[in-house]
Amino acid sequence: MYWITQSGGSTIITYSIEMDSGFGFVEVANQQLTSSSVIISTNIVSGSYLNFRYRCSNVQGWSEYSPSNIIVAATVPDAPT
Protein backbone atom coordinates (compact mmCIF):
# COMPACT_ATOMS: atom_id res chain seq x y z
CA MET A 1 0.00 0.00 0.00
CA TYR A 2 2.58 2.54 -1.17
CA TRP A 3 -0.03 5.27 -1.55
CA ILE A 4 -1.17 5.12 2.08
CA THR A 5 2.33 5.74 3.43
CA GLN A 6 2.83 8.58 0.96
CA SER A 7 -0.38 10.29 2.18
CA GLY A 8 0.53 10.30 5.86
CA GLY A 9 -1.16 6.99 6.65
CA SER A 10 -4.68 8.47 6.70
CA THR A 11 -7.55 6.00 6.91
CA ILE A 12 -9.13 4.85 3.64
CA ILE A 13 -12.70 6.15 3.33
CA THR A 14 -13.86 5.09 -0.14
CA TYR A 15 -12.74 2.69 -2.83
CA SER A 16 -13.48 2.28 -6.52
CA ILE A 17 -13.17 -0.95 -8.51
CA GLU A 18 -13.01 -0.98 -12.30
CA MET A 19 -13.34 -3.93 -14.68
CA ASP A 20 -11.94 -4.03 -18.21
CA SER A 21 -14.98 -4.25 -20.48
CA GLY A 22 -12.90 -5.04 -23.57
CA PHE A 23 -13.18 -1.39 -24.57
CA GLY A 24 -11.39 0.04 -21.53
CA PHE A 25 -12.02 0.04 -17.80
CA VAL A 26 -15.54 0.68 -16.47
CA GLU A 27 -16.36 1.39 -12.82
CA VAL A 28 -18.29 -1.50 -11.24
CA ALA A 29 -18.16 -0.42 -7.59
CA ASN A 30 -17.65 2.86 -5.76
CA GLN A 31 -18.55 2.80 -2.10
CA GLN A 32 -17.64 3.64 1.44
CA LEU A 33 -15.26 1.22 3.10
CA THR A 34 -17.85 -0.72 5.10
CA SER A 35 -17.24 -4.16 3.57
CA SER A 36 -14.25 -5.95 2.10
CA SER A 37 -16.33 -7.72 -0.56
CA VAL A 38 -18.20 -6.55 -3.64
CA ILE A 39 -20.76 -8.43 -5.75
CA ILE A 40 -20.54 -7.56 -9.42
CA SER A 41 -23.80 -8.42 -11.15
CA THR A 42 -22.93 -8.12 -14.81
CA ASN A 43 -23.11 -10.93 -17.35
CA ILE A 44 -20.03 -12.84 -16.20
CA VAL A 45 -19.53 -16.33 -17.61
CA SER A 46 -17.82 -19.01 -15.53
CA GLY A 47 -14.33 -19.69 -16.88
CA SER A 48 -13.89 -16.21 -18.36
CA TYR A 49 -10.85 -14.09 -17.52
CA LEU A 50 -11.61 -10.73 -15.92
CA ASN A 51 -9.23 -7.81 -15.51
CA PHE A 52 -9.73 -5.50 -12.51
CA ARG A 53 -8.02 -2.50 -10.95
CA TYR A 54 -8.85 -0.36 -7.93
CA ARG A 55 -8.08 2.93 -6.23
CA CYS A 56 -8.84 4.32 -2.78
CA SER A 57 -9.48 7.70 -1.25
CA ASN A 58 -8.81 9.28 2.10
CA VAL A 59 -8.75 12.88 3.36
CA GLN A 60 -5.82 13.53 1.00
CA GLY A 61 -7.85 12.56 -2.12
CA TRP A 62 -7.78 9.63 -4.57
CA SER A 63 -4.82 7.32 -5.08
CA GLU A 64 -3.43 6.25 -8.42
CA TYR A 65 -4.94 3.07 -9.86
CA SER A 66 -3.45 -0.24 -8.78
CA PRO A 67 -1.79 -2.48 -11.33
CA SER A 68 -4.54 -4.51 -12.99
CA ASN A 69 -5.15 -8.08 -11.81
CA ILE A 70 -6.66 -10.90 -13.86
CA ILE A 71 -8.93 -13.47 -12.21
CA VAL A 72 -10.87 -16.44 -13.60
CA ALA A 73 -14.61 -16.35 -12.92
CA ALA A 74 -15.93 -19.44 -11.17
CA THR A 75 -19.15 -20.75 -9.72
CA VAL A 76 -19.78 -22.19 -6.29
CA PRO A 77 -19.29 -25.95 -6.56
CA ASP A 78 -22.01 -28.41 -5.61
CA ALA A 79 -21.72 -30.08 -2.22
CA PRO A 80 -20.02 -33.48 -2.35
CA THR A 81 -22.35 -36.48 -2.35
C-alpha atoms as a PDB file:
ATOM      1  CA  MET A   1       0.000   0.000   0.000  1.00  0.00           C
ATOM      2  CA  TYR A   2       2.577   2.537  -1.174  1.00  0.00           C
ATOM      3  CA  TRP A   3      -0.029   5.267  -1.548  1.00  0.00           C
ATOM      4  CA  ILE A   4      -1.167   5.124   2.079  1.00  0.00           C
ATOM      5  CA  THR A   5       2.332   5.741   3.431  1.00  0.00           C
ATOM      6  CA  GLN A   6       2.825   8.582   0.958  1.00  0.00           C
ATOM      7  CA  SER A   7      -0.377  10.288   2.183  1.00  0.00           C
ATOM      8  CA  GLY A   8       0.527  10.304   5.856  1.00  0.00           C
ATOM      9  CA  GLY A   9      -1.162   6.990   6.648  1.00  0.00           C
ATOM     10  CA  SER A  10      -4.676   8.474   6.696  1.00  0.00           C
ATOM     11  CA  THR A  11      -7.554   6.002   6.910  1.00  0.00           C
ATOM     12  CA  ILE A  12      -9.128   4.850   3.642  1.00  0.00           C
ATOM     13  CA  ILE A  13     -12.703   6.154   3.326  1.00  0.00           C
ATOM     14  CA  THR A  14     -13.863   5.086  -0.143  1.00  0.00           C
ATOM     15  CA  TYR A  15     -12.737   2.685  -2.835  1.00  0.00           C
ATOM     16  CA  SER A  16     -13.477   2.282  -6.519  1.00  0.00           C
ATOM     17  CA  ILE A  17     -13.167  -0.951  -8.514  1.00  0.00           C
ATOM     18  CA  GLU A  18     -13.013  -0.985 -12.298  1.00  0.00           C
ATOM     19  CA  MET A  19     -13.336  -3.934 -14.680  1.00  0.00           C
ATOM     20  CA  ASP A  20     -11.937  -4.029 -18.211  1.00  0.00           C
ATOM     21  CA  SER A  21     -14.976  -4.247 -20.484  1.00  0.00           C
ATOM     22  CA  GLY A  22     -12.904  -5.040 -23.572  1.00  0.00           C
ATOM     23  CA  PHE A  23     -13.177  -1.387 -24.571  1.00  0.00           C
ATOM     24  CA  GLY A  24     -11.394   0.037 -21.528  1.00  0.00           C
ATOM     25  CA  PHE A  25     -12.016   0.039 -17.796  1.00  0.00           C
ATOM     26  CA  VAL A  26     -15.541   0.683 -16.468  1.00  0.00           C
ATOM     27  CA  GLU A  27     -16.362   1.387 -12.821  1.00  0.00           C
ATOM     28  CA  VAL A  28     -18.289  -1.498 -11.244  1.00  0.00           C
ATOM     29  CA  ALA A  29     -18.157  -0.419  -7.589  1.00  0.00           C
ATOM     30  CA  ASN A  30     -17.653   2.864  -5.759  1.00  0.00           C
ATOM     31  CA  GLN A  31     -18.553   2.796  -2.104  1.00  0.00           C
ATOM     32  CA  GLN A  32     -17.643   3.644   1.437  1.00  0.00           C
ATOM     33  CA  LEU A  33     -15.260   1.222   3.103  1.00  0.00           C
ATOM     34  CA  THR A  34     -17.850  -0.725   5.100  1.00  0.00           C
ATOM     35  CA  SER A  35     -17.242  -4.162   3.571  1.00  0.00           C
ATOM     36  CA  SER A  36     -14.250  -5.954   2.097  1.00  0.00           C
ATOM     37  CA  SER A  37     -16.330  -7.720  -0.557  1.00  0.00           C
ATOM     38  CA  VAL A  38     -18.196  -6.551  -3.643  1.00  0.00           C
ATOM     39  CA  ILE A  39     -20.758  -8.425  -5.748  1.00  0.00           C
ATOM     40  CA  ILE A  40     -20.545  -7.559  -9.422  1.00  0.00           C
ATOM     41  CA  SER A  41     -23.800  -8.419 -11.146  1.00  0.00           C
ATOM     42  CA  THR A  42     -22.926  -8.121 -14.812  1.00  0.00           C
ATOM     43  CA  ASN A  43     -23.114 -10.935 -17.350  1.00  0.00           C
ATOM     44  CA  ILE A  44     -20.027 -12.841 -16.204  1.00  0.00           C
ATOM     45  CA  VAL A  45     -19.535 -16.330 -17.611  1.00  0.00           C
ATOM     46  CA  SER A  46     -17.817 -19.012 -15.529  1.00  0.00           C
ATOM     47  CA  GLY A  47     -14.334 -19.689 -16.879  1.00  0.00           C
ATOM     48  CA  SER A  48     -13.886 -16.214 -18.360  1.00  0.00           C
ATOM     49  CA  TYR A  49     -10.853 -14.094 -17.518  1.00  0.00           C
ATOM     50  CA  LEU A  50     -11.615 -10.731 -15.924  1.00  0.00           C
ATOM     51  CA  ASN A  51      -9.234  -7.815 -15.510  1.00  0.00           C
ATOM     52  CA  PHE A  52      -9.731  -5.503 -12.506  1.00  0.00           C
ATOM     53  CA  ARG A  53      -8.015  -2.501 -10.951  1.00  0.00           C
ATOM     54  CA  TYR A  54      -8.845  -0.359  -7.929  1.00  0.00           C
ATOM     55  CA  ARG A  55      -8.084   2.927  -6.231  1.00  0.00           C
ATOM     56  CA  CYS A  56      -8.836   4.317  -2.777  1.00  0.00           C
ATOM     57  CA  SER A  57      -9.478   7.704  -1.254  1.00  0.00           C
ATOM     58  CA  ASN A  58      -8.810   9.276   2.104  1.00  0.00           C
ATOM     59  CA  VAL A  59      -8.753  12.875   3.363  1.00  0.00           C
ATOM     60  CA  GLN A  60      -5.823  13.534   1.002  1.00  0.00           C
ATOM     61  CA  GLY A  61      -7.848  12.557  -2.118  1.00  0.00           C
ATOM     62  CA  TRP A  62      -7.775   9.633  -4.568  1.00  0.00           C
ATOM     63  CA  SER A  63      -4.821   7.318  -5.079  1.00  0.00           C
ATOM     64  CA  GLU A  64      -3.430   6.253  -8.419  1.00  0.00           C
ATOM     65  CA  TYR A  65      -4.939   3.067  -9.864  1.00  0.00           C
ATOM     66  CA  SER A  66      -3.451  -0.240  -8.779  1.00  0.00           C
ATOM     67  CA  PRO A  67      -1.788  -2.485 -11.327  1.00  0.00           C
ATOM     68  CA  SER A  68      -4.537  -4.512 -12.986  1.00  0.00           C
ATOM     69  CA  ASN A  69      -5.153  -8.082 -11.811  1.00  0.00           C
ATOM     70  CA  ILE A  70      -6.664 -10.897 -13.860  1.00  0.00           C
ATOM     71  CA  ILE A  71      -8.935 -13.469 -12.215  1.00  0.00           C
ATOM     72  CA  VAL A  72     -10.866 -16.441 -13.604  1.00  0.00           C
ATOM     73  CA  ALA A  73     -14.606 -16.346 -12.921  1.00  0.00           C
ATOM     74  CA  ALA A  74     -15.934 -19.442 -11.169  1.00  0.00           C
ATOM     75  CA  THR A  75     -19.153 -20.752  -9.717  1.00  0.00           C
ATOM     76  CA  VAL A  76     -19.784 -22.186  -6.291  1.00  0.00           C
ATOM     77  CA  PRO A  77     -19.289 -25.950  -6.560  1.00  0.00           C
ATOM     78  CA  ASP A  78     -22.013 -28.408  -5.611  1.00  0.00           C
ATOM     79  CA  ALA A  79     -21.724 -30.082  -2.217  1.00  0.00           C
ATOM     80  CA  PRO A  80     -20.022 -33.484  -2.352  1.00  0.00           C
ATOM     81  CA  THR A  81     -22.353 -36.477  -2.346  1.00  0.00           C
END
